[in-house]
Amino acid sequence: MIRQAEADHGSRPDLLTTAERAELVQLLKETAELRRTNEILKAASVVPPSCNEIQRLFITLVSQPLHDAAHRLGWSAKTASHPDPPRYTPHTQAADQR
């Protein structure tokens, strides 16, 4: 107690004051908590994504940008032009030649 009182009064610069000691204890507690949190986050990042998460990522990263680009270009399912099916297939051509 005498050495601590001397440190608090400044006559013992080699020792921590009561305030410094309290701050050190608080910082050590915060460091331990941050390390625990960091370990939890590392462990959580190892868990593979669920099917819904994969689907959401696909829509966000692939499907939606393609849809937006097609919309900007004026393409849509309603205006897409598909070639007409052939009028004559090999089967119908053989029947017509008879």
PDB file of N, CA and C in Angstrom:
ATOM      1  N   MET A   1       0.824  -1.192   0.000  1.00  0.00           N
ATOM      2  CA  MET A   1       0.000   0.000   0.000  1.00  0.00           C
ATOM      3  C   MET A   1       0.869   1.257   0.000  1.00  0.00           C
ATOM      4  N   ILE A   2       1.991   1.218   0.701  1.00  0.00           N
ATOM      5  CA  ILE A   2       2.860   2.398   0.768  1.00  0.00           C
ATOM      6  C   ILE A   2       3.475   2.660  -0.604  1.00  0.00           C
ATOM      7  N   ARG A   3       3.930   1.573  -1.291  1.00  0.00           N
ATOM      8  CA  ARG A   3       4.516   1.775  -2.616  1.00  0.00           C
ATOM      9  C   ARG A   3       3.468   2.291  -3.592  1.00  0.00           C
ATOM     10  N   GLN A   4       2.228   1.797  -3.489  1.00  0.00           N
ATOM     11  CA  GLN A   4       1.167   2.275  -4.379  1.00  0.00           C
ATOM     12  C   GLN A   4       0.873   3.746  -4.128  1.00  0.00           C
ATOM     13  N   ALA A   5       0.854   4.152  -2.881  1.00  0.00           N
ATOM     14  CA  ALA A   5       0.638   5.566  -2.548  1.00  0.00           C
ATOM     15  C   ALA A   5       1.776   6.413  -3.093  1.00  0.00           C
ATOM     16  N   GLU A   6       2.997   5.895  -3.017  1.00  0.00           N
ATOM     17  CA  GLU A   6       4.137   6.627  -3.579  1.00  0.00           C
ATOM     18  C   GLU A   6       4.011   6.747  -5.099  1.00  0.00           C
ATOM     19  N   ALA A   7       3.544   5.669  -5.752  1.00  0.00           N
ATOM     20  CA  ALA A   7       3.351   5.715  -7.203  1.00  0.00           C
ATOM     21  C   ALA A   7       2.263   6.724  -7.562  1.00  0.00           C
ATOM     22  N   ASP A   8       1.186   6.757  -6.789  1.00  0.00           N
ATOM     23  CA  ASP A   8       0.097   7.697  -7.058  1.00  0.00           C
ATOM     24  C   ASP A   8       0.543   9.149  -6.869  1.00  0.00           C
ATOM     25  N   HIS A   9       1.468   9.386  -5.950  1.00  0.00           N
ATOM     26  CA  HIS A   9       1.958  10.749  -5.712  1.00  0.00           C
ATOM     27  C   HIS A   9       3.093  11.137  -6.657  1.00  0.00           C
ATOM     28  N   GLY A  10       3.580  10.163  -7.464  1.00  0.00           N
ATOM     29  CA  GLY A  10       4.617  10.470  -8.437  1.00  0.00           C
ATOM     30  C   GLY A  10       6.030  10.276  -7.946  1.00  0.00           C
ATOM     31  N   SER A  11       6.225   9.829  -6.734  1.00  0.00           N
ATOM     32  CA  SER A  11       7.582   9.638  -6.231  1.00  0.00           C
ATOM     33  C   SER A  11       8.165   8.275  -6.638  1.00  0.00           C
ATOM     34  N   ARG A  12       7.343   7.397  -7.258  1.00  0.00           N
ATOM     35  CA  ARG A  12       7.810   6.096  -7.742  1.00  0.00           C
ATOM     36  C   ARG A  12       7.448   5.958  -9.218  1.00  0.00           C
ATOM     37  N   PRO A  13       8.236   6.534 -10.148  1.00  0.00           N
ATOM     38  CA  PRO A  13       7.912   6.465 -11.571  1.00  0.00           C
ATOM     39  C   PRO A  13       8.035   5.052 -12.149  1.00  0.00           C
ATOM     40  N   ASP A  14       8.676   4.146 -11.424  1.00  0.00           N
ATOM     41  CA  ASP A  14       8.825   2.776 -11.912  1.00  0.00           C
ATOM     42  C   ASP A  14       7.568   1.932 -11.694  1.00  0.00           C
ATOM     43  N   LEU A  15       6.579   2.442 -10.961  1.00  0.00           N
ATOM     44  CA  LEU A  15       5.340   1.715 -10.690  1.00  0.00           C
ATOM     45  C   LEU A  15       4.160   2.401 -11.364  1.00  0.00           C
ATOM     46  N   LEU A  16       3.132   1.611 -11.676  1.00  0.00           N
ATOM     47  CA  LEU A  16       1.907   2.162 -12.248  1.00  0.00           C
ATOM     48  C   LEU A  16       1.067   2.823 -11.164  1.00  0.00           C
ATOM     49  N   THR A  17       0.422   3.926 -11.537  1.00  0.00           N
ATOM     50  CA  THR A  17      -0.494   4.556 -10.595  1.00  0.00           C
ATOM     51  C   THR A  17      -1.778   3.728 -10.536  1.00  0.00           C
ATOM     52  N   THR A  18      -2.638   4.020  -9.585  1.00  0.00           N
ATOM     53  CA  THR A  18      -3.906   3.301  -9.453  1.00  0.00           C
ATOM     54  C   THR A  18      -4.738   3.470 -10.719  1.00  0.00           C
ATOM     55  N   ALA A  19      -4.778   4.678 -11.275  1.00  0.00           N
ATOM     56  CA  ALA A  19      -5.544   4.941 -12.497  1.00  0.00           C
ATOM     57  C   ALA A  19      -4.956   4.170 -13.681  1.00  0.00           C
ATOM     58  N   GLU A  20      -3.632   4.151 -13.787  1.00  0.00           N
ATOM     59  CA  GLU A  20      -2.981   3.415 -14.868  1.00  0.00           C
ATOM     60  C   GLU A  20      -3.235   1.915 -14.740  1.00  0.00           C
ATOM     61  N   ARG A  21      -3.186   1.418 -13.522  1.00  0.00           N
ATOM     62  CA  ARG A  21      -3.426   0.000 -13.277  1.00  0.00           C
ATOM     63  C   ARG A  21      -4.872  -0.360 -13.651  1.00  0.00           C
ATOM     64  N   ALA A  22      -5.840   0.485 -13.284  1.00  0.00           N
ATOM     65  CA  ALA A  22      -7.249   0.244 -13.623  1.00  0.00           C
ATOM     66  C   ALA A  22      -7.435   0.264 -15.143  1.00  0.00           C
ATOM     67  N   GLU A  23      -6.765   1.214 -15.823  1.00  0.00           N
ATOM     68  CA  GLU A  23      -6.857   1.290 -17.285  1.00  0.00           C
ATOM     69  C   GLU A  23      -6.246   0.038 -17.919  1.00  0.00           C
ATOM     70  N   LEU A  24      -5.129  -0.434 -17.394  1.00  0.00           N
ATOM     71  CA  LEU A  24      -4.487  -1.639 -17.906  1.00  0.00           C
ATOM     72  C   LEU A  24      -5.402  -2.856 -17.755  1.00  0.00           C
ATOM     73  N   VAL A  25      -6.042  -2.989 -16.610  1.00  0.00           N
ATOM     74  CA  VAL A  25      -6.968  -4.108 -16.382  1.00  0.00           C
ATOM     75  C   VAL A  25      -8.123  -4.047 -17.377  1.00  0.00           C
ATOM     76  N   GLN A  26      -8.669  -2.845 -17.597  1.00  0.00           N
ATOM     77  CA  GLN A  26      -9.776  -2.678 -18.540  1.00  0.00           C
ATOM     78  C   GLN A  26      -9.337  -3.028 -19.961  1.00  0.00           C
ATOM     79  N   LEU A  27      -8.162  -2.573 -20.355  1.00  0.00           N
ATOM     80  CA  LEU A  27      -7.654  -2.872 -21.695  1.00  0.00           C
ATOM     81  C   LEU A  27      -7.395  -4.365 -21.882  1.00  0.00           C
ATOM     82  N   LEU A  28      -6.906  -5.034 -20.866  1.00  0.00           N
ATOM     83  CA  LEU A  28      -6.695  -6.479 -20.951  1.00  0.00           C
ATOM     84  C   LEU A  28      -8.016  -7.233 -21.100  1.00  0.00           C
ATOM     85  N   LYS A  29      -9.058  -6.781 -20.393  1.00  0.00           N
ATOM     86  CA  LYS A  29     -10.381  -7.399 -20.525  1.00  0.00           C
ATOM     87  C   LYS A  29     -10.927  -7.197 -21.935  1.00  0.00           C
ATOM     88  N   GLU A  30     -10.800  -5.967 -22.466  1.00  0.00           N
ATOM     89  CA  GLU A  30     -11.279  -5.684 -23.825  1.00  0.00           C
ATOM     90  C   GLU A  30     -10.528  -6.510 -24.854  1.00  0.00           C
ATOM     91  N   THR A  31      -9.232  -6.651 -24.673  1.00  0.00           N
ATOM     92  CA  THR A  31      -8.423  -7.447 -25.599  1.00  0.00           C
ATOM     93  C   THR A  31      -8.881  -8.897 -25.584  1.00  0.00           C
ATOM     94  N   ALA A  32      -9.112  -9.460 -24.419  1.00  0.00           N
ATOM     95  CA  ALA A  32      -9.580 -10.843 -24.319  1.00  0.00           C
ATOM     96  C   ALA A  32     -10.936 -11.011 -24.994  1.00  0.00           C
ATOM     97  N   GLU A  33     -11.836 -10.044 -24.785  1.00  0.00           N
ATOM     98  CA  GLU A  33     -13.161 -10.111 -25.414  1.00  0.00           C
ATOM     99  C   GLU A  33     -13.053 -10.022 -26.934  1.00  0.00           C
ATOM    100  N   LEU A  34     -12.208  -9.149 -27.438  1.00  0.00           N
ATOM    101  CA  LEU A  34     -12.025  -9.019 -28.887  1.00  0.00           C
ATOM    102  C   LEU A  34     -11.419 -10.287 -29.485  1.00  0.00           C
ATOM    103  N   ARG A  35     -10.510 -10.916 -28.761  1.00  0.00           N
ATOM    104  CA  ARG A  35      -9.934 -12.174 -29.250  1.00  0.00           C
ATOM    105  C   ARG A  35     -10.990 -13.271 -29.313  1.00  0.00           C
ATOM    106  N   ARG A  36     -11.862 -13.345 -28.296  1.00  0.00           N
ATOM    107  CA  ARG A  36     -12.947 -14.337 -28.311  1.00  0.00           C
ATOM    108  C   ARG A  36     -13.888 -14.076 -29.485  1.00  0.00           C
ATOM    109  N   THR A  37     -14.237 -12.807 -29.699  1.00  0.00           N
ATOM    110  CA  THR A  37     -15.118 -12.449 -30.806  1.00  0.00           C
ATOM    111  C   THR A  37     -14.486 -12.807 -32.139  1.00  0.00           C
ATOM    112  N   ASN A  38     -13.205 -12.535 -32.268  1.00  0.00           N
ATOM    113  CA  ASN A  38     -12.492 -12.844 -33.500  1.00  0.00           C
ATOM    114  C   ASN A  38     -12.491 -14.348 -33.769  1.00  0.00           C
ATOM    115  N   GLU A  39     -12.308 -15.151 -32.754  1.00  0.00           N
ATOM    116  CA  GLU A  39     -12.330 -16.609 -32.914  1.00  0.00           C
ATOM    117  C   GLU A  39     -13.715 -17.086 -33.347  1.00  0.00           C
ATOM    118  N   ILE A  40     -14.755 -16.498 -32.781  1.00  0.00           N
ATOM    119  CA  ILE A  40     -16.129 -16.869 -33.160  1.00  0.00           C
ATOM    120  C   ILE A  40     -16.371 -16.525 -34.622  1.00  0.00           C
ATOM    121  N   LEU A  41     -15.928 -15.348 -35.043  1.00  0.00           N
ATOM    122  CA  LEU A  41     -16.114 -14.938 -36.443  1.00  0.00           C
ATOM    123  C   LEU A  41     -15.323 -15.824 -37.394  1.00  0.00           C
ATOM    124  N   LYS A  42     -14.128 -16.209 -37.001  1.00  0.00           N
ATOM    125  CA  LYS A  42     -13.341 -17.118 -37.840  1.00  0.00           C
ATOM    126  C   LYS A  42     -14.048 -18.459 -37.979  1.00  0.00           C
ATOM    127  N   ALA A  43     -14.571 -18.972 -36.882  1.00  0.00           N
ATOM    128  CA  ALA A  43     -15.276 -20.254 -36.923  1.00  0.00           C
ATOM    129  C   ALA A  43     -16.542 -20.157 -37.767  1.00  0.00           C
ATOM    130  N   ALA A  44     -17.232 -19.045 -37.687  1.00  0.00           N
ATOM    131  CA  ALA A  44     -18.477 -18.866 -38.447  1.00  0.00           C
ATOM    132  C   ALA A  44     -18.207 -18.770 -39.940  1.00  0.00           C
ATOM    133  N   SER A  45     -17.054 -18.256 -40.325  1.00  0.00           N
ATOM    134  CA  SER A  45     -16.761 -18.109 -41.750  1.00  0.00           C
ATOM    135  C   SER A  45     -16.457 -19.444 -42.403  1.00  0.00           C
ATOM    136  N   VAL A  46     -16.213 -20.486 -41.621  1.00  0.00           N
ATOM    137  CA  VAL A  46     -15.922 -21.810 -42.153  1.00  0.00           C
ATOM    138  C   VAL A  46     -17.204 -22.540 -42.528  1.00  0.00           C
ATOM    139  N   VAL A  47     -18.327 -22.165 -41.927  1.00  0.00           N
ATOM    140  CA  VAL A  47     -19.602 -22.820 -42.184  1.00  0.00           C
ATOM    141  C   VAL A  47     -20.012 -22.557 -43.638  1.00  0.00           C
ATOM    142  N   PRO A  48     -20.293 -23.605 -44.401  1.00  0.00           N
ATOM    143  CA  PRO A  48     -20.679 -23.391 -45.800  1.00  0.00           C
ATOM    144  C   PRO A  48     -22.029 -22.683 -45.899  1.00  0.00           C
ATOM    145  N   PRO A  49     -22.237 -21.925 -46.966  1.00  0.00           N
ATOM    146  CA  PRO A  49     -23.507 -21.205 -47.107  1.00  0.00           C
ATOM    147  C   PRO A  49     -24.655 -22.173 -47.368  1.00  0.00           C
ATOM    148  N   SER A  50     -25.839 -21.766 -46.964  1.00  0.00           N
ATOM    149  CA  SER A  50     -27.021 -22.594 -47.197  1.00  0.00           C
ATOM    150  C   SER A  50     -27.461 -22.445 -48.648  1.00  0.00           C
ATOM    151  N   CYS A  51     -28.378 -23.270 -49.051  1.00  0.00           N
ATOM    152  CA  CYS A  51     -28.899 -23.239 -50.417  1.00  0.00           C
ATOM    153  C   CYS A  51     -29.558 -21.886 -50.704  1.00  0.00           C
ATOM    154  N   ASN A  52     -30.298 -21.365 -49.738  1.00  0.00           N
ATOM    155  CA  ASN A  52     -30.939 -20.061 -49.923  1.00  0.00           C
ATOM    156  C   ASN A  52     -29.911 -18.950 -50.088  1.00  0.00           C
ATOM    157  N   GLU A  53     -28.809 -19.031 -49.331  1.00  0.00           N
ATOM    158  CA  GLU A  53     -27.764 -18.020 -49.445  1.00  0.00           C
ATOM    159  C   GLU A  53     -27.094 -18.089 -50.816  1.00  0.00           C
ATOM    160  N   ILE A  54     -26.880 -19.301 -51.322  1.00  0.00           N
ATOM    161  CA  ILE A  54     -26.290 -19.458 -52.655  1.00  0.00           C
ATOM    162  C   ILE A  54     -27.237 -18.895 -53.710  1.00  0.00           C
ATOM    163  N   GLN A  55     -28.520 -19.193 -53.588  1.00  0.00           N
ATOM    164  CA  GLN A  55     -29.501 -18.685 -54.544  1.00  0.00           C
ATOM    165  C   GLN A  55     -29.545 -17.157 -54.509  1.00  0.00           C
ATOM    166  N   ARG A  56     -29.529 -16.583 -53.301  1.00  0.00           N
ATOM    167  CA  ARG A  56     -29.551 -15.121 -53.176  1.00  0.00           C
ATOM    168  C   ARG A  56     -28.306 -14.510 -53.807  1.00  0.00           C
ATOM    169  N   LEU A  57     -27.149 -15.125 -53.586  1.00  0.00           N
ATOM    170  CA  LEU A  57     -25.921 -14.623 -54.199  1.00  0.00           C
ATOM    171  C   LEU A  57     -25.977 -14.720 -55.714  1.00  0.00           C
ATOM    172  N   PHE A  58     -26.511 -15.833 -56.246  1.00  0.00           N
ATOM    173  CA  PHE A  58     -26.619 -15.987 -57.692  1.00  0.00           C
ATOM    174  C   PHE A  58     -27.510 -14.908 -58.290  1.00  0.00           C
ATOM    175  N   ILE A  59     -28.645 -14.679 -57.652  1.00  0.00           N
ATOM    176  CA  ILE A  59     -29.563 -13.651 -58.153  1.00  0.00           C
ATOM    177  C   ILE A  59     -28.905 -12.282 -58.104  1.00  0.00           C
ATOM    178  N   THR A  60     -28.217 -11.996 -56.992  1.00  0.00           N
ATOM    179  CA  THR A  60     -27.587 -10.688 -56.819  1.00  0.00           C
ATOM    180  C   THR A  60     -26.424 -10.481 -57.786  1.00  0.00           C
ATOM    181  N   LEU A  61     -25.588 -11.501 -57.950  1.00  0.00           N
ATOM    182  CA  LEU A  61     -24.357 -11.333 -58.718  1.00  0.00           C
ATOM    183  C   LEU A  61     -24.482 -11.677 -60.192  1.00  0.00           C
ATOM    184  N   VAL A  62     -25.442 -12.538 -60.570  1.00  0.00           N
ATOM    185  CA  VAL A  62     -25.508 -12.995 -61.957  1.00  0.00           C
ATOM    186  C   VAL A  62     -26.841 -12.634 -62.606  1.00  0.00           C
ATOM    187  N   SER A  63     -27.913 -13.161 -62.061  1.00  0.00           N
ATOM    188  CA  SER A  63     -29.208 -13.043 -62.711  1.00  0.00           C
ATOM    189  C   SER A  63     -29.696 -11.605 -62.814  1.00  0.00           C
ATOM    190  N   GLN A  64     -29.676 -10.879 -61.721  1.00  0.00           N
ATOM    191  CA  GLN A  64     -30.194  -9.506 -61.734  1.00  0.00           C
ATOM    192  C   GLN A  64     -29.381  -8.594 -62.653  1.00  0.00           C
ATOM    193  N   PRO A  65     -28.026  -8.618 -62.627  1.00  0.00           N
ATOM    194  CA  PRO A  65     -27.280  -7.784 -63.572  1.00  0.00           C
ATOM    195  C   PRO A  65     -27.577  -8.127 -65.025  1.00  0.00           C
ATOM    196  N   LEU A  66     -27.760  -9.426 -65.352  1.00  0.00           N
ATOM    197  CA  LEU A  66     -28.105  -9.805 -66.721  1.00  0.00           C
ATOM    198  C   LEU A  66     -29.483  -9.274 -67.099  1.00  0.00           C
ATOM    199  N   HIS A  67     -30.423  -9.385 -66.176  1.00  0.00           N
ATOM    200  CA  HIS A  67     -31.771  -8.878 -66.429  1.00  0.00           C
ATOM    201  C   HIS A  67     -31.739  -7.368 -66.645  1.00  0.00           C
ATOM    202  N   ASP A  68     -30.978  -6.655 -65.816  1.00  0.00           N
ATOM    203  CA  ASP A  68     -30.878  -5.197 -65.957  1.00  0.00           C
ATOM    204  C   ASP A  68     -30.239  -4.818 -67.279  1.00  0.00           C
ATOM    205  N   ALA A  69     -29.200  -5.536 -67.685  1.00  0.00           N
ATOM    206  CA  ALA A  69     -28.534  -5.241 -68.955  1.00  0.00           C
ATOM    207  C   ALA A  69     -29.482  -5.502 -70.124  1.00  0.00           C
ATOM    208  N   ALA A  70     -30.215  -6.593 -70.085  1.00  0.00           N
ATOM    209  CA  ALA A  70     -31.174  -6.895 -71.147  1.00  0.00           C
ATOM    210  C   ALA A  70     -32.253  -5.825 -71.214  1.00  0.00           C
ATOM    211  N   HIS A  71     -32.690  -5.359 -70.074  1.00  0.00           N
ATOM    212  CA  HIS A  71     -33.704  -4.310 -70.036  1.00  0.00           C
ATOM    213  C   HIS A  71     -33.173  -3.016 -70.654  1.00  0.00           C
ATOM    214  N   ARG A  72     -31.920  -2.663 -70.315  1.00  0.00           N
ATOM    215  CA  ARG A  72     -31.314  -1.448 -70.887  1.00  0.00           C
ATOM    216  C   ARG A  72     -31.171  -1.559 -72.401  1.00  0.00           C
ATOM    217  N   LEU A  73     -30.934  -2.763 -72.907  1.00  0.00           N
ATOM    218  CA  LEU A  73     -30.785  -2.967 -74.341  1.00  0.00           C
ATOM    219  C   LEU A  73     -32.127  -3.117 -75.054  1.00  0.00           C
ATOM    220  N   GLY A  74     -33.197  -3.142 -74.284  1.00  0.00           N
ATOM    221  CA  GLY A  74     -34.519  -3.254 -74.873  1.00  0.00           C
ATOM    222  C   GLY A  74     -34.939  -4.682 -75.149  1.00  0.00           C
ATOM    223  N   TRP A  75     -34.240  -5.627 -74.599  1.00  0.00           N
ATOM    224  CA  TRP A  75     -34.599  -7.023 -74.778  1.00  0.00           C
ATOM    225  C   TRP A  75     -35.569  -7.429 -73.678  1.00  0.00           C
ATOM    226  N   SER A  76     -36.530  -8.209 -74.034  1.00  0.00           N
ATOM    227  CA  SER A  76     -37.411  -8.778 -73.017  1.00  0.00           C
ATOM    228  C   SER A  76     -37.999 -10.064 -73.566  1.00  0.00           C
ATOM    229  N   ALA A  77     -38.620 -10.833 -72.731  1.00  0.00           N
ATOM    230  CA  ALA A  77     -39.198 -12.096 -73.167  1.00  0.00           C
ATOM    231  C   ALA A  77     -40.338 -11.861 -74.154  1.00  0.00           C
ATOM    232  N   LYS A  78     -41.049 -10.739 -74.023  1.00  0.00           N
ATOM    233  CA  LYS A  78     -42.175 -10.459 -74.907  1.00  0.00           C
ATOM    234  C   LYS A  78     -41.720 -10.062 -76.304  1.00  0.00           C
ATOM    235  N   THR A  79     -40.590  -9.354 -76.405  1.00  0.00           N
ATOM    236  CA  THR A  79     -40.148  -8.865 -77.700  1.00  0.00           C
ATOM    237  C   THR A  79     -39.079  -9.746 -78.332  1.00  0.00           C
ATOM    238  N   ALA A  80     -38.685 -10.805 -77.656  1.00  0.00           N
ATOM    239  CA  ALA A  80     -37.643 -11.671 -78.214  1.00  0.00           C
ATOM    240  C   ALA A  80     -38.185 -12.344 -79.455  1.00  0.00           C
ATOM    241  N   SER A  81     -37.413 -12.292 -80.502  1.00  0.00           N
ATOM    242  CA  SER A  81     -37.868 -12.913 -81.746  1.00  0.00           C
ATOM    243  C   SER A  81     -37.202 -14.272 -81.878  1.00  0.00           C
ATOM    244  N   HIS A  82     -38.029 -15.281 -81.981  1.00  0.00           N
ATOM    245  CA  HIS A  82     -37.535 -16.628 -82.167  1.00  0.00           C
ATOM    246  C   HIS A  82     -37.867 -17.020 -83.596  1.00  0.00           C
ATOM    247  N   PRO A  83     -36.956 -17.705 -84.259  1.00  0.00           N
ATOM    248  CA  PRO A  83     -37.278 -18.118 -85.633  1.00  0.00           C
ATOM    249  C   PRO A  83     -38.474 -19.057 -85.639  1.00  0.00           C
ATOM    250  N   ASP A  84     -39.252 -18.937 -86.688  1.00  0.00           N
ATOM    251  CA  ASP A  84     -40.397 -19.834 -86.822  1.00  0.00           C
ATOM    252  C   ASP A  84     -39.892 -21.259 -86.961  1.00  0.00           C
ATOM    253  N   PRO A  85     -40.639 -22.197 -86.441  1.00  0.00           N
ATOM    254  CA  PRO A  85     -40.211 -23.582 -86.623  1.00  0.00           C
ATOM    255  C   PRO A  85     -40.238 -23.920 -88.113  1.00  0.00           C
ATOM    256  N   PRO A  86     -39.373 -24.802 -88.547  1.00  0.00           N
ATOM    257  CA  PRO A  86     -39.360 -25.124 -89.981  1.00  0.00           C
ATOM    258  C   PRO A  86     -40.696 -25.722 -90.413  1.00  0.00           C
ATOM    259  N   ARG A  87     -41.120 -25.344 -91.594  1.00  0.00           N
ATOM    260  CA  ARG A  87     -42.403 -25.844 -92.094  1.00  0.00           C
ATOM    261  C   ARG A  87     -42.305 -27.321 -92.448  1.00  0.00           C
ATOM    262  N   TYR A  88     -41.167 -27.682 -92.961  1.00  0.00           N
ATOM    263  CA  TYR A  88     -40.999 -29.062 -93.395  1.00  0.00           C
ATOM    264  C   TYR A  88     -39.887 -29.719 -92.593  1.00  0.00           C
ATOM    265  N   THR A  89     -40.215 -30.777 -91.975  1.00  0.00           N
ATOM    266  CA  THR A  89     -39.211 -31.594 -91.319  1.00  0.00           C
ATOM    267  C   THR A  89     -38.917 -32.756 -92.252  1.00  0.00           C
ATOM    268  N   PRO A  90     -37.849 -33.464 -92.031  1.00  0.00           N
ATOM    269  CA  PRO A  90     -37.579 -34.591 -92.929  1.00  0.00           C
ATOM    270  C   PRO A  90     -38.760 -35.545 -93.038  1.00  0.00           C
ATOM    271  N   HIS A  91     -39.490 -35.708 -91.946  1.00  0.00           N
ATOM    272  CA  HIS A  91     -40.635 -36.624 -91.962  1.00  0.00           C
ATOM    273  C   HIS A  91     -41.739 -36.073 -92.873  1.00  0.00           C
ATOM    274  N   THR A  92     -42.051 -34.773 -92.743  1.00  0.00           N
ATOM    275  CA  THR A  92     -43.130 -34.215 -93.577  1.00  0.00           C
ATOM    276  C   THR A  92     -42.681 -34.072 -95.019  1.00  0.00           C
ATOM    277  N   GLN A  93     -41.421 -33.821 -95.290  1.00  0.00           N
ATOM    278  CA  GLN A  93     -40.945 -33.711 -96.667  1.00  0.00           C
ATOM    279  C   GLN A  93     -41.102 -35.059 -97.388  1.00  0.00           C
ATOM    280  N   ALA A  94     -40.804 -36.128 -96.719  1.00  0.00           N
ATOM    281  CA  ALA A  94     -40.948 -37.452 -97.328  1.00  0.00           C
ATOM    282  C   ALA A  94     -42.411 -37.723 -97.615  1.00  0.00           C
ATOM    283  N   ALA A  95     -43.309 -37.304 -96.757  1.00  0.00           N
ATOM    284  CA  ALA A  95     -44.733 -37.520 -96.972  1.00  0.00           C
ATOM    285  C   ALA A  95     -45.229 -36.697 -98.131  1.00  0.00           C
ATOM    286  N   ASP A  96     -44.697 -35.459 -98.336  1.00  0.00           N
ATOM    287  CA  ASP A  96     -45.118 -34.588 -99.435  1.00  0.00           C
ATOM    288  C   ASP A  96     -44.631 -35.129-100.781  1.00  0.00           C
ATOM    289  N   GLN A  97     -43.522 -35.825-100.791  1.00  0.00           N
ATOM    290  CA  GLN A  97     -42.958 -36.296-102.055  1.00  0.00           C
ATOM    291  C   GLN A  97     -43.698 -37.527-102.579  1.00  0.00           C
ATOM    292  N   ARG A  98     -44.515 -38.130-101.805  1.00  0.00           N
ATOM    293  CA  ARG A  98     -45.228 -39.322-102.240  1.00  0.00           C
ATOM    294  C   ARG A  98     -46.365 -38.984-103.124  1.00  0.00           C
TER     295      ARG A  98
END
